[in-house]
Structure formats: C-alpha cells, structure tokens
Amino acid sequence: MTDTSGQQPVNYNAPQGSYPPAAGGDFPGKTLGIVGLVCAILFSVVGLIISIIANNQSKKAGFKNTPAFVGIIIGIITTIGTIISIIASIAMLATVSTQLQNYSNVLLGF
C-alpha cells in the first residue's frame, strides 16, 4: 500500500524504539553524588557515606559519577584531617594539664 507521493505510509502499530539518554542527562546517583560532595565538605563522614552510596548506584547503572568520586576523595581527606585534629587536641590538652599541675605544685610548695 503506497501513497500517491510514492512514500510508504506510517505504521502506527509498530513498536517504538528506545532512545539513549541525552548527554548530560540524569542518571541514577547523579543528584545524590552532588549532595554527597557538598556534605563531604561540610560533614566529612556523612558526605563520605552518601558519596559512596551514590557512586555504587551509578556504577550499577553503568555510569561514571564524577561528583560522587570527588566526594569520596574529599570525605576521606577531611575525615583523616578531623581524626588527626582530635588526636592533636587531646595531646595538647594533656600537655597543658601536666604543665599546669607542675606549676601549681611549685606555687603551693609540693
């Protein structure tokens, strides 16, 4: 069955093909990766966990999630920095406490 113009008629019952996602479109874990990156800067451990979850979601869907990967790196660095700061603070407080105790013993004549 041809049209008078020589073209084949459109078959509206034919199955529709699926189109690949547009460049820069959303994919699983993209928004969560951005949230994880922001949280990694502000709240290191929480951001690290969110970024890992987002990266795993994207990996399962076959996409590369750069914000989640950067969030993981920043989360690791800030978590290590926080741990080092806590240890240094405890050591400094112990040293100051010892020095104050020695100073008070000298003043009181012990």
PDB file of N, CA and C in Angstrom:
ATOM      1  N   MET A   1       0.837  -1.150   0.000  1.00  0.00           N
ATOM      2  CA  MET A   1       0.000   0.000   0.000  1.00  0.00           C
ATOM      3  C   MET A   1       0.893   1.227   0.000  1.00  0.00           C
ATOM      4  N   THR A   2       0.848   1.952  -1.085  1.00  0.00           N
ATOM      5  CA  THR A   2       1.685   3.136  -1.198  1.00  0.00           C
ATOM      6  C   THR A   2       0.824   4.374  -1.334  1.00  0.00           C
ATOM      7  N   ASP A   3       1.408   5.466  -0.950  1.00  0.00           N
ATOM      8  CA  ASP A   3       0.754   6.765  -1.059  1.00  0.00           C
ATOM      9  C   ASP A   3       0.950   7.265  -2.482  1.00  0.00           C
ATOM     10  N   THR A   4       0.172   8.259  -2.866  1.00  0.00           N
ATOM     11  CA  THR A   4       0.313   8.801  -4.222  1.00  0.00           C
ATOM     12  C   THR A   4       1.631   9.533  -4.397  1.00  0.00           C
ATOM     13  N   SER A   5       2.260   9.903  -3.299  1.00  0.00           N
ATOM     14  CA  SER A   5       3.548  10.587  -3.399  1.00  0.00           C
ATOM     15  C   SER A   5       4.695   9.585  -3.522  1.00  0.00           C
ATOM     16  N   GLY A   6       4.432   8.308  -3.416  1.00  0.00           N
ATOM     17  CA  GLY A   6       5.459   7.302  -3.554  1.00  0.00           C
ATOM     18  C   GLY A   6       6.103   6.896  -2.228  1.00  0.00           C
ATOM     19  N   GLN A   7       5.632   7.447  -1.114  1.00  0.00           N
ATOM     20  CA  GLN A   7       6.190   7.110   0.197  1.00  0.00           C
ATOM     21  C   GLN A   7       5.341   6.044   0.862  1.00  0.00           C
ATOM     22  N   GLN A   8       5.991   5.258   1.703  1.00  0.00           N
ATOM     23  CA  GLN A   8       5.284   4.236   2.470  1.00  0.00           C
ATOM     24  C   GLN A   8       4.487   4.910   3.586  1.00  0.00           C
ATOM     25  N   PRO A   9       3.289   4.424   3.870  1.00  0.00           N
ATOM     26  CA  PRO A   9       2.520   5.009   4.975  1.00  0.00           C
ATOM     27  C   PRO A   9       3.168   4.640   6.312  1.00  0.00           C
ATOM     28  N   VAL A  10       2.909   5.471   7.289  1.00  0.00           N
ATOM     29  CA  VAL A  10       3.450   5.256   8.629  1.00  0.00           C
ATOM     30  C   VAL A  10       2.632   4.187   9.326  1.00  0.00           C
ATOM     31  N   ASN A  11       3.297   3.210   9.884  1.00  0.00           N
ATOM     32  CA  ASN A  11       2.639   2.158  10.643  1.00  0.00           C
ATOM     33  C   ASN A  11       2.638   2.578  12.114  1.00  0.00           C
ATOM     34  N   TYR A  12       1.489   3.004  12.618  1.00  0.00           N
ATOM     35  CA  TYR A  12       1.408   3.492  13.985  1.00  0.00           C
ATOM     36  C   TYR A  12       1.394   2.367  15.009  1.00  0.00           C
ATOM     37  N   ASN A  13       1.263   1.134  14.575  1.00  0.00           N
ATOM     38  CA  ASN A  13       1.254  -0.002  15.492  1.00  0.00           C
ATOM     39  C   ASN A  13       2.645  -0.603  15.669  1.00  0.00           C
ATOM     40  N   ALA A  14       3.629  -0.074  14.991  1.00  0.00           N
ATOM     41  CA  ALA A  14       4.986  -0.614  15.113  1.00  0.00           C
ATOM     42  C   ALA A  14       5.562  -0.272  16.496  1.00  0.00           C
ATOM     43  N   PRO A  15       6.367  -1.191  17.051  1.00  0.00           N
ATOM     44  CA  PRO A  15       6.952  -0.916  18.371  1.00  0.00           C
ATOM     45  C   PRO A  15       7.901   0.279  18.304  1.00  0.00           C
ATOM     46  N   GLN A  16       7.871   1.077  19.347  1.00  0.00           N
ATOM     47  CA  GLN A  16       8.730   2.260  19.417  1.00  0.00           C
ATOM     48  C   GLN A  16      10.098   1.861  19.955  1.00  0.00           C
ATOM     49  N   GLY A  17      11.140   2.400  19.363  1.00  0.00           N
ATOM     50  CA  GLY A  17      12.496   2.145  19.841  1.00  0.00           C
ATOM     51  C   GLY A  17      12.813   3.051  21.020  1.00  0.00           C
ATOM     52  N   SER A  18      13.739   2.624  21.824  1.00  0.00           N
ATOM     53  CA  SER A  18      14.137   3.462  22.962  1.00  0.00           C
ATOM     54  C   SER A  18      15.352   4.285  22.561  1.00  0.00           C
ATOM     55  N   TYR A  19      15.396   5.479  23.048  1.00  0.00           N
ATOM     56  CA  TYR A  19      16.492   6.376  22.728  1.00  0.00           C
ATOM     57  C   TYR A  19      17.479   6.413  23.888  1.00  0.00           C
ATOM     58  N   PRO A  20      18.758   6.537  23.588  1.00  0.00           N
ATOM     59  CA  PRO A  20      19.729   6.647  24.681  1.00  0.00           C
ATOM     60  C   PRO A  20      19.523   7.971  25.407  1.00  0.00           C
ATOM     61  N   PRO A  21      19.937   8.041  26.693  1.00  0.00           N
ATOM     62  CA  PRO A  21      19.746   9.295  27.426  1.00  0.00           C
ATOM     63  C   PRO A  21      20.553  10.417  26.790  1.00  0.00           C
ATOM     64  N   ALA A  22      20.012  11.608  26.861  1.00  0.00           N
ATOM     65  CA  ALA A  22      20.683  12.776  26.294  1.00  0.00           C
ATOM     66  C   ALA A  22      21.974  13.056  27.061  1.00  0.00           C
ATOM     67  N   ALA A  23      22.933  13.630  26.374  1.00  0.00           N
ATOM     68  CA  ALA A  23      24.203  13.950  27.024  1.00  0.00           C
ATOM     69  C   ALA A  23      23.943  14.911  28.178  1.00  0.00           C
ATOM     70  N   GLY A  24      24.538  14.613  29.319  1.00  0.00           N
ATOM     71  CA  GLY A  24      24.368  15.459  30.488  1.00  0.00           C
ATOM     72  C   GLY A  24      23.053  15.227  31.202  1.00  0.00           C
ATOM     73  N   GLY A  25      22.299  14.219  30.788  1.00  0.00           N
ATOM     74  CA  GLY A  25      21.024  13.931  31.427  1.00  0.00           C
ATOM     75  C   GLY A  25      21.219  13.267  32.778  1.00  0.00           C
ATOM     76  N   ASP A  26      20.123  13.112  33.481  1.00  0.00           N
ATOM     77  CA  ASP A  26      20.194  12.475  34.793  1.00  0.00           C
ATOM     78  C   ASP A  26      20.426  10.980  34.643  1.00  0.00           C
ATOM     79  N   PHE A  27      21.121  10.439  35.613  1.00  0.00           N
ATOM     80  CA  PHE A  27      21.329   9.012  35.711  1.00  0.00           C
ATOM     81  C   PHE A  27      21.301   8.664  37.189  1.00  0.00           C
ATOM     82  N   PRO A  28      21.110   7.396  37.533  1.00  0.00           N
ATOM     83  CA  PRO A  28      20.997   7.030  38.945  1.00  0.00           C
ATOM     84  C   PRO A  28      22.222   7.479  39.744  1.00  0.00           C
ATOM     85  N   GLY A  29      21.969   8.162  40.833  1.00  0.00           N
ATOM     86  CA  GLY A  29      23.041   8.583  41.730  1.00  0.00           C
ATOM     87  C   GLY A  29      23.644   9.944  41.432  1.00  0.00           C
ATOM     88  N   LYS A  30      23.227  10.603  40.336  1.00  0.00           N
ATOM     89  CA  LYS A  30      23.841  11.884  39.975  1.00  0.00           C
ATOM     90  C   LYS A  30      23.549  12.951  41.025  1.00  0.00           C
ATOM     91  N   THR A  31      22.272  13.139  41.355  1.00  0.00           N
ATOM     92  CA  THR A  31      21.901  14.147  42.346  1.00  0.00           C
ATOM     93  C   THR A  31      22.467  13.786  43.713  1.00  0.00           C
ATOM     94  N   LEU A  32      22.414  12.518  44.062  1.00  0.00           N
ATOM     95  CA  LEU A  32      22.960  12.075  45.337  1.00  0.00           C
ATOM     96  C   LEU A  32      24.468  12.284  45.390  1.00  0.00           C
ATOM     97  N   GLY A  33      25.143  12.156  44.258  1.00  0.00           N
ATOM     98  CA  GLY A  33      26.579  12.413  44.205  1.00  0.00           C
ATOM     99  C   GLY A  33      26.912  13.865  44.487  1.00  0.00           C
ATOM    100  N   ILE A  34      26.085  14.779  43.972  1.00  0.00           N
ATOM    101  CA  ILE A  34      26.299  16.210  44.233  1.00  0.00           C
ATOM    102  C   ILE A  34      26.037  16.512  45.708  1.00  0.00           C
ATOM    103  N   VAL A  35      24.974  15.922  46.253  1.00  0.00           N
ATOM    104  CA  VAL A  35      24.671  16.107  47.679  1.00  0.00           C
ATOM    105  C   VAL A  35      25.819  15.544  48.524  1.00  0.00           C
ATOM    106  N   GLY A  36      26.337  14.386  48.139  1.00  0.00           N
ATOM    107  CA  GLY A  36      27.459  13.788  48.868  1.00  0.00           C
ATOM    108  C   GLY A  36      28.701  14.650  48.821  1.00  0.00           C
ATOM    109  N   LEU A  37      28.963  15.277  47.681  1.00  0.00           N
ATOM    110  CA  LEU A  37      30.121  16.162  47.552  1.00  0.00           C
ATOM    111  C   LEU A  37      29.998  17.356  48.486  1.00  0.00           C
ATOM    112  N   VAL A  38      28.828  17.977  48.514  1.00  0.00           N
ATOM    113  CA  VAL A  38      28.618  19.135  49.392  1.00  0.00           C
ATOM    114  C   VAL A  38      28.723  18.704  50.859  1.00  0.00           C
ATOM    115  N   CYS A  39      28.119  17.582  51.192  1.00  0.00           N
ATOM    116  CA  CYS A  39      28.184  17.094  52.575  1.00  0.00           C
ATOM    117  C   CYS A  39      29.601  16.685  52.965  1.00  0.00           C
ATOM    118  N   ALA A  40      30.369  16.186  52.020  1.00  0.00           N
ATOM    119  CA  ALA A  40      31.751  15.799  52.322  1.00  0.00           C
ATOM    120  C   ALA A  40      32.578  17.009  52.732  1.00  0.00           C
ATOM    121  N   ILE A  41      32.255  18.157  52.163  1.00  0.00           N
ATOM    122  CA  ILE A  41      32.973  19.379  52.530  1.00  0.00           C
ATOM    123  C   ILE A  41      32.535  19.850  53.911  1.00  0.00           C
ATOM    124  N   LEU A  42      31.236  19.752  54.209  1.00  0.00           N
ATOM    125  CA  LEU A  42      30.709  20.274  55.467  1.00  0.00           C
ATOM    126  C   LEU A  42      30.737  19.248  56.605  1.00  0.00           C
ATOM    127  N   PHE A  43      30.348  18.025  56.313  1.00  0.00           N
ATOM    128  CA  PHE A  43      30.259  16.958  57.316  1.00  0.00           C
ATOM    129  C   PHE A  43      30.973  15.732  56.760  1.00  0.00           C
ATOM    130  N   SER A  44      32.224  15.575  57.098  1.00  0.00           N
ATOM    131  CA  SER A  44      33.101  14.634  56.397  1.00  0.00           C
ATOM    132  C   SER A  44      32.578  13.199  56.343  1.00  0.00           C
ATOM    133  N   VAL A  45      32.218  12.611  57.459  1.00  0.00           N
ATOM    134  CA  VAL A  45      31.831  11.200  57.469  1.00  0.00           C
ATOM    135  C   VAL A  45      30.493  10.994  56.760  1.00  0.00           C
ATOM    136  N   VAL A  46      29.541  11.890  57.012  1.00  0.00           N
ATOM    137  CA  VAL A  46      28.219  11.777  56.371  1.00  0.00           C
ATOM    138  C   VAL A  46      28.362  11.915  54.851  1.00  0.00           C
ATOM    139  N   GLY A  47      29.140  12.907  54.421  1.00  0.00           N
ATOM    140  CA  GLY A  47      29.360  13.103  52.990  1.00  0.00           C
ATOM    141  C   GLY A  47      30.065  11.928  52.342  1.00  0.00           C
ATOM    142  N   LEU A  48      31.007  11.337  53.075  1.00  0.00           N
ATOM    143  CA  LEU A  48      31.723  10.163  52.566  1.00  0.00           C
ATOM    144  C   LEU A  48      30.748   9.011  52.332  1.00  0.00           C
ATOM    145  N   ILE A  49      29.869   8.773  53.283  1.00  0.00           N
ATOM    146  CA  ILE A  49      28.901   7.671  53.160  1.00  0.00           C
ATOM    147  C   ILE A  49      27.930   7.927  52.005  1.00  0.00           C
ATOM    148  N   ILE A  50      27.409   9.149  51.908  1.00  0.00           N
ATOM    149  CA  ILE A  50      26.462   9.480  50.834  1.00  0.00           C
ATOM    150  C   ILE A  50      27.145   9.357  49.467  1.00  0.00           C
ATOM    151  N   SER A  51      28.398   9.807  49.376  1.00  0.00           N
ATOM    152  CA  SER A  51      29.127   9.727  48.103  1.00  0.00           C
ATOM    153  C   SER A  51      29.383   8.283  47.694  1.00  0.00           C
ATOM    154  N   ILE A  52      29.681   7.434  48.657  1.00  0.00           N
ATOM    155  CA  ILE A  52      29.898   6.010  48.351  1.00  0.00           C
ATOM    156  C   ILE A  52      28.602   5.382  47.837  1.00  0.00           C
ATOM    157  N   ILE A  53      27.475   5.699  48.475  1.00  0.00           N
ATOM    158  CA  ILE A  53      26.181   5.159  48.033  1.00  0.00           C
ATOM    159  C   ILE A  53      25.867   5.631  46.609  1.00  0.00           C
ATOM    160  N   ALA A  54      26.083   6.928  46.343  1.00  0.00           N
ATOM    161  CA  ALA A  54      25.809   7.472  45.010  1.00  0.00           C
ATOM    162  C   ALA A  54      26.705   6.844  43.954  1.00  0.00           C
ATOM    163  N   ASN A  55      27.969   6.651  44.305  1.00  0.00           N
ATOM    164  CA  ASN A  55      28.905   6.038  43.353  1.00  0.00           C
ATOM    165  C   ASN A  55      28.491   4.598  43.038  1.00  0.00           C
ATOM    166  N   ASN A  56      28.056   3.860  44.046  1.00  0.00           N
ATOM    167  CA  ASN A  56      27.617   2.481  43.817  1.00  0.00           C
ATOM    168  C   ASN A  56      26.362   2.424  42.952  1.00  0.00           C
ATOM    169  N   GLN A  57      25.418   3.348  43.168  1.00  0.00           N
ATOM    170  CA  GLN A  57      24.212   3.390  42.340  1.00  0.00           C
ATOM    171  C   GLN A  57      24.555   3.660  40.880  1.00  0.00           C
ATOM    172  N   SER A  58      25.453   4.605  40.661  1.00  0.00           N
ATOM    173  CA  SER A  58      25.841   4.947  39.288  1.00  0.00           C
ATOM    174  C   SER A  58      26.604   3.802  38.635  1.00  0.00           C
ATOM    175  N   LYS A  59      27.460   3.156  39.405  1.00  0.00           N
ATOM    176  CA  LYS A  59      28.248   2.053  38.862  1.00  0.00           C
ATOM    177  C   LYS A  59      27.347   0.895  38.428  1.00  0.00           C
ATOM    178  N   LYS A  60      26.310   0.610  39.234  1.00  0.00           N
ATOM    179  CA  LYS A  60      25.378  -0.463  38.882  1.00  0.00           C
ATOM    180  C   LYS A  60      24.617  -0.141  37.600  1.00  0.00           C
ATOM    181  N   ALA A  61      24.344   1.154  37.371  1.00  0.00           N
ATOM    182  CA  ALA A  61      23.628   1.564  36.159  1.00  0.00           C
ATOM    183  C   ALA A  61      24.566   1.735  34.969  1.00  0.00           C
ATOM    184  N   GLY A  62      25.876   1.642  35.210  1.00  0.00           N
ATOM    185  CA  GLY A  62      26.841   1.741  34.122  1.00  0.00           C
ATOM    186  C   GLY A  62      27.275   3.160  33.792  1.00  0.00           C
ATOM    187  N   PHE A  63      27.145   4.067  34.750  1.00  0.00           N
ATOM    188  CA  PHE A  63      27.535   5.452  34.526  1.00  0.00           C
ATOM    189  C   PHE A  63      28.704   5.823  35.434  1.00  0.00           C
ATOM    190  N   LYS A  64      29.482   6.803  34.991  1.00  0.00           N
ATOM    191  CA  LYS A  64      30.572   7.336  35.809  1.00  0.00           C
ATOM    192  C   LYS A  64      30.042   8.570  36.533  1.00  0.00           C
ATOM    193  N   ASN A  65      30.204   8.605  37.850  1.00  0.00           N
ATOM    194  CA  ASN A  65      29.676   9.698  38.660  1.00  0.00           C
ATOM    195  C   ASN A  65      30.843  10.481  39.254  1.00  0.00           C
ATOM    196  N   THR A  66      31.303  11.495  38.547  1.00  0.00           N
ATOM    197  CA  THR A  66      32.459  12.283  38.982  1.00  0.00           C
ATOM    198  C   THR A  66      32.208  13.020  40.295  1.00  0.00           C
ATOM    199  N   PRO A  67      31.048  13.673  40.501  1.00  0.00           N
ATOM    200  CA  PRO A  67      30.844  14.342  41.792  1.00  0.00           C
ATOM    201  C   PRO A  67      30.911  13.380  42.978  1.00  0.00           C
ATOM    202  N   ALA A  68      30.383  12.178  42.810  1.00  0.00           N
ATOM    203  CA  ALA A  68      30.439  11.197  43.897  1.00  0.00           C
ATOM    204  C   ALA A  68      31.878  10.767  44.153  1.00  0.00           C
ATOM    205  N   PHE A  69      32.664  10.586  43.092  1.00  0.00           N
ATOM    206  CA  PHE A  69      34.058  10.183  43.253  1.00  0.00           C
ATOM    207  C   PHE A  69      34.851  11.276  43.972  1.00  0.00           C
ATOM    208  N   VAL A  70      34.632  12.528  43.573  1.00  0.00           N
ATOM    209  CA  VAL A  70      35.308  13.650  44.231  1.00  0.00           C
ATOM    210  C   VAL A  70      34.845  13.742  45.684  1.00  0.00           C
ATOM    211  N   GLY A  71      33.558  13.497  45.932  1.00  0.00           N
ATOM    212  CA  GLY A  71      33.041  13.489  47.302  1.00  0.00           C
ATOM    213  C   GLY A  71      33.691  12.426  48.156  1.00  0.00           C
ATOM    214  N   ILE A  72      33.963  11.263  47.566  1.00  0.00           N
ATOM    215  CA  ILE A  72      34.653  10.198  48.310  1.00  0.00           C
ATOM    216  C   ILE A  72      36.066  10.649  48.682  1.00  0.00           C
ATOM    217  N   ILE A  73      36.788  11.218  47.736  1.00  0.00           N
ATOM    218  CA  ILE A  73      38.160  11.670  47.992  1.00  0.00           C
ATOM    219  C   ILE A  73      38.162  12.759  49.064  1.00  0.00           C
ATOM    220  N   ILE A  74      37.303  13.764  48.921  1.00  0.00           N
ATOM    221  CA  ILE A  74      37.255  14.856  49.904  1.00  0.00           C
ATOM    222  C   ILE A  74      36.802  14.326  51.261  1.00  0.00           C
ATOM    223  N   GLY A  75      35.828  13.415  51.262  1.00  0.00           N
ATOM    224  CA  GLY A  75      35.366  12.823  52.521  1.00  0.00           C
ATOM    225  C   GLY A  75      36.472  12.074  53.249  1.00  0.00           C
ATOM    226  N   ILE A  76      37.284  11.327  52.502  1.00  0.00           N
ATOM    227  CA  ILE A  76      38.402  10.600  53.119  1.00  0.00           C
ATOM    228  C   ILE A  76      39.421  11.583  53.689  1.00  0.00           C
ATOM    229  N   ILE A  77      39.766  12.599  52.908  1.00  0.00           N
ATOM    230  CA  ILE A  77      40.776  13.567  53.349  1.00  0.00           C
ATOM    231  C   ILE A  77      40.287  14.335  54.583  1.00  0.00           C
ATOM    232  N   THR A  78      39.038  14.801  54.554  1.00  0.00           N
ATOM    233  CA  THR A  78      38.535  15.562  55.701  1.00  0.00           C
ATOM    234  C   THR A  78      38.337  14.684  56.933  1.00  0.00           C
ATOM    235  N   THR A  79      37.970  13.426  56.744  1.00  0.00           N
ATOM    236  CA  THR A  79      37.834  12.518  57.881  1.00  0.00           C
ATOM    237  C   THR A  79      39.191  12.266  58.527  1.00  0.00           C
ATOM    238  N   ILE A  80      40.206  12.019  57.714  1.00  0.00           N
ATOM    239  CA  ILE A  80      41.557  11.822  58.256  1.00  0.00           C
ATOM    240  C   ILE A  80      42.032  13.092  58.946  1.00  0.00           C
ATOM    241  N   GLY A  81      41.775  14.255  58.353  1.00  0.00           N
ATOM    242  CA  GLY A  81      42.156  15.523  58.972  1.00  0.00           C
ATOM    243  C   GLY A  81      41.460  15.739  60.301  1.00  0.00           C
ATOM    244  N   THR A  82      40.190  15.373  60.385  1.00  0.00           N
ATOM    245  CA  THR A  82      39.444  15.503  61.637  1.00  0.00           C
ATOM    246  C   THR A  82      40.013  14.592  62.715  1.00  0.00           C
ATOM    247  N   ILE A  83      40.330  13.360  62.347  1.00  0.00           N
ATOM    248  CA  ILE A  83      40.905  12.419  63.313  1.00  0.00           C
ATOM    249  C   ILE A  83      42.253  12.928  63.814  1.00  0.00           C
ATOM    250  N   ILE A  84      43.090  13.424  62.912  1.00  0.00           N
ATOM    251  CA  ILE A  84      44.397  13.957  63.316  1.00  0.00           C
ATOM    252  C   ILE A  84      44.212  15.175  64.229  1.00  0.00           C
ATOM    253  N   SER A  85      43.256  16.032  63.925  1.00  0.00           N
ATOM    254  CA  SER A  85      42.998  17.209  64.760  1.00  0.00           C
ATOM    255  C   SER A  85      42.537  16.818  66.160  1.00  0.00           C
ATOM    256  N   ILE A  86      41.692  15.825  66.238  1.00  0.00           N
ATOM    257  CA  ILE A  86      41.217  15.363  67.551  1.00  0.00           C
ATOM    258  C   ILE A  86      42.365  14.791  68.362  1.00  0.00           C
ATOM    259  N   ILE A  87      43.200  13.971  67.740  1.00  0.00           N
ATOM    260  CA  ILE A  87      44.348  13.388  68.448  1.00  0.00           C
ATOM    261  C   ILE A  87      45.310  14.481  68.898  1.00  0.00           C
ATOM    262  N   ALA A  88      45.583  15.457  68.029  1.00  0.00           N
ATOM    263  CA  ALA A  88      46.486  16.559  68.385  1.00  0.00           C
ATOM    264  C   ALA A  88      45.898  17.399  69.517  1.00  0.00           C
ATOM    265  N   SER A  89      44.607  17.624  69.517  1.00  0.00           N
ATOM    266  CA  SER A  89      43.960  18.399  70.584  1.00  0.00           C
ATOM    267  C   SER A  89      44.041  17.685  71.918  1.00  0.00           C
ATOM    268  N   ILE A  90      43.799  16.390  71.900  1.00  0.00           N
ATOM    269  CA  ILE A  90      43.891  15.612  73.136  1.00  0.00           C
ATOM    270  C   ILE A  90      45.322  15.636  73.669  1.00  0.00           C
ATOM    271  N   ALA A  91      46.308  15.474  72.788  1.00  0.00           N
ATOM    272  CA  ALA A  91      47.711  15.508  73.220  1.00  0.00           C
ATOM    273  C   ALA A  91      48.070  16.882  73.780  1.00  0.00           C
ATOM    274  N   MET A  92      47.600  17.941  73.132  1.00  0.00           N
ATOM    275  CA  MET A  92      47.901  19.290  73.610  1.00  0.00           C
ATOM    276  C   MET A  92      47.237  19.548  74.966  1.00  0.00           C
ATOM    277  N   LEU A  93      46.000  19.117  75.139  1.00  0.00           N
ATOM    278  CA  LEU A  93      45.328  19.291  76.423  1.00  0.00           C
ATOM    279  C   LEU A  93      46.017  18.508  77.529  1.00  0.00           C
ATOM    280  N   ALA A  94      46.498  17.324  77.220  1.00  0.00           N
ATOM    281  CA  ALA A  94      47.218  16.537  78.223  1.00  0.00           C
ATOM    282  C   ALA A  94      48.512  17.232  78.627  1.00  0.00           C
ATOM    283  N   THR A  95      49.208  17.795  77.652  1.00  0.00           N
ATOM    284  CA  THR A  95      50.463  18.506  77.940  1.00  0.00           C
ATOM    285  C   THR A  95      50.186  19.758  78.770  1.00  0.00           C
ATOM    286  N   VAL A  96      49.185  20.516  78.414  1.00  0.00           N
ATOM    287  CA  VAL A  96      48.851  21.731  79.163  1.00  0.00           C
ATOM    288  C   VAL A  96      48.409  21.375  80.579  1.00  0.00           C
ATOM    289  N   SER A  97      47.627  20.327  80.708  1.00  0.00           N
ATOM    290  CA  SER A  97      47.181  19.890  82.026  1.00  0.00           C
ATOM    291  C   SER A  97      48.364  19.494  82.902  1.00  0.00           C
ATOM    292  N   THR A  98      49.314  18.776  82.341  1.00  0.00           N
ATOM    293  CA  THR A  98      50.511  18.380  83.094  1.00  0.00           C
ATOM    294  C   THR A  98      51.326  19.601  83.492  1.00  0.00           C
ATOM    295  N   GLN A  99      51.482  20.539  82.582  1.00  0.00           N
ATOM    296  CA  GLN A  99      52.246  21.753  82.886  1.00  0.00           C
ATOM    297  C   GLN A  99      51.553  22.577  83.970  1.00  0.00           C
ATOM    298  N   LEU A 100      50.246  22.701  83.921  1.00  0.00           N
ATOM    299  CA  LEU A 100      49.519  23.438  84.951  1.00  0.00           C
ATOM    300  C   LEU A 100      49.624  22.755  86.312  1.00  0.00           C
ATOM    301  N   GLN A 101      49.588  21.436  86.302  1.00  0.00           N
ATOM    302  CA  GLN A 101      49.711  20.703  87.562  1.00  0.00           C
ATOM    303  C   GLN A 101      51.113  20.908  88.146  1.00  0.00           C
ATOM    304  N   ASN A 102      52.137  20.855  87.315  1.00  0.00           N
ATOM    305  CA  ASN A 102      53.503  21.090  87.787  1.00  0.00           C
ATOM    306  C   ASN A 102      53.651  22.522  88.300  1.00  0.00           C
ATOM    307  N   TYR A 103      53.062  23.472  87.615  1.00  0.00           N
ATOM    308  CA  TYR A 103      53.141  24.873  88.008  1.00  0.00           C
ATOM    309  C   TYR A 103      52.433  25.106  89.342  1.00  0.00           C
ATOM    310  N   SER A 104      51.254  24.475  89.532  1.00  0.00           N
ATOM    311  CA  SER A 104      50.539  24.649  90.797  1.00  0.00           C
ATOM    312  C   SER A 104      51.280  23.973  91.936  1.00  0.00           C
ATOM    313  N   ASN A 105      51.966  22.872  91.684  1.00  0.00           N
ATOM    314  CA  ASN A 105      52.753  22.205  92.712  1.00  0.00           C
ATOM    315  C   ASN A 105      53.921  23.090  93.144  1.00  0.00           C
ATOM    316  N   VAL A 106      54.537  23.817  92.204  1.00  0.00           N
ATOM    317  CA  VAL A 106      55.638  24.720  92.534  1.00  0.00           C
ATOM    318  C   VAL A 106      55.117  25.882  93.369  1.00  0.00           C
ATOM    319  N   LEU A 107      53.972  26.420  92.997  1.00  0.00           N
ATOM    320  CA  LEU A 107      53.410  27.550  93.728  1.00  0.00           C
ATOM    321  C   LEU A 107      52.980  27.181  95.132  1.00  0.00           C
ATOM    322  N   LEU A 108      52.449  25.974  95.271  1.00  0.00           N
ATOM    323  CA  LEU A 108      51.958  25.538  96.584  1.00  0.00           C
ATOM    324  C   LEU A 108      53.058  24.895  97.424  1.00  0.00           C
ATOM    325  N   GLY A 109      54.208  24.670  96.857  1.00  0.00           N
ATOM    326  CA  GLY A 109      55.336  24.105  97.599  1.00  0.00           C
ATOM    327  C   GLY A 109      55.332  22.616  97.734  1.00  0.00           C
ATOM    328  N   PHE A 110      54.675  21.923  96.838  1.00  0.00           N
ATOM    329  CA  PHE A 110      54.685  20.437  96.901  1.00  0.00           C
ATOM    330  C   PHE A 110      55.899  19.893  96.249  1.00  0.00           C
TER     331      PHE A 110
END
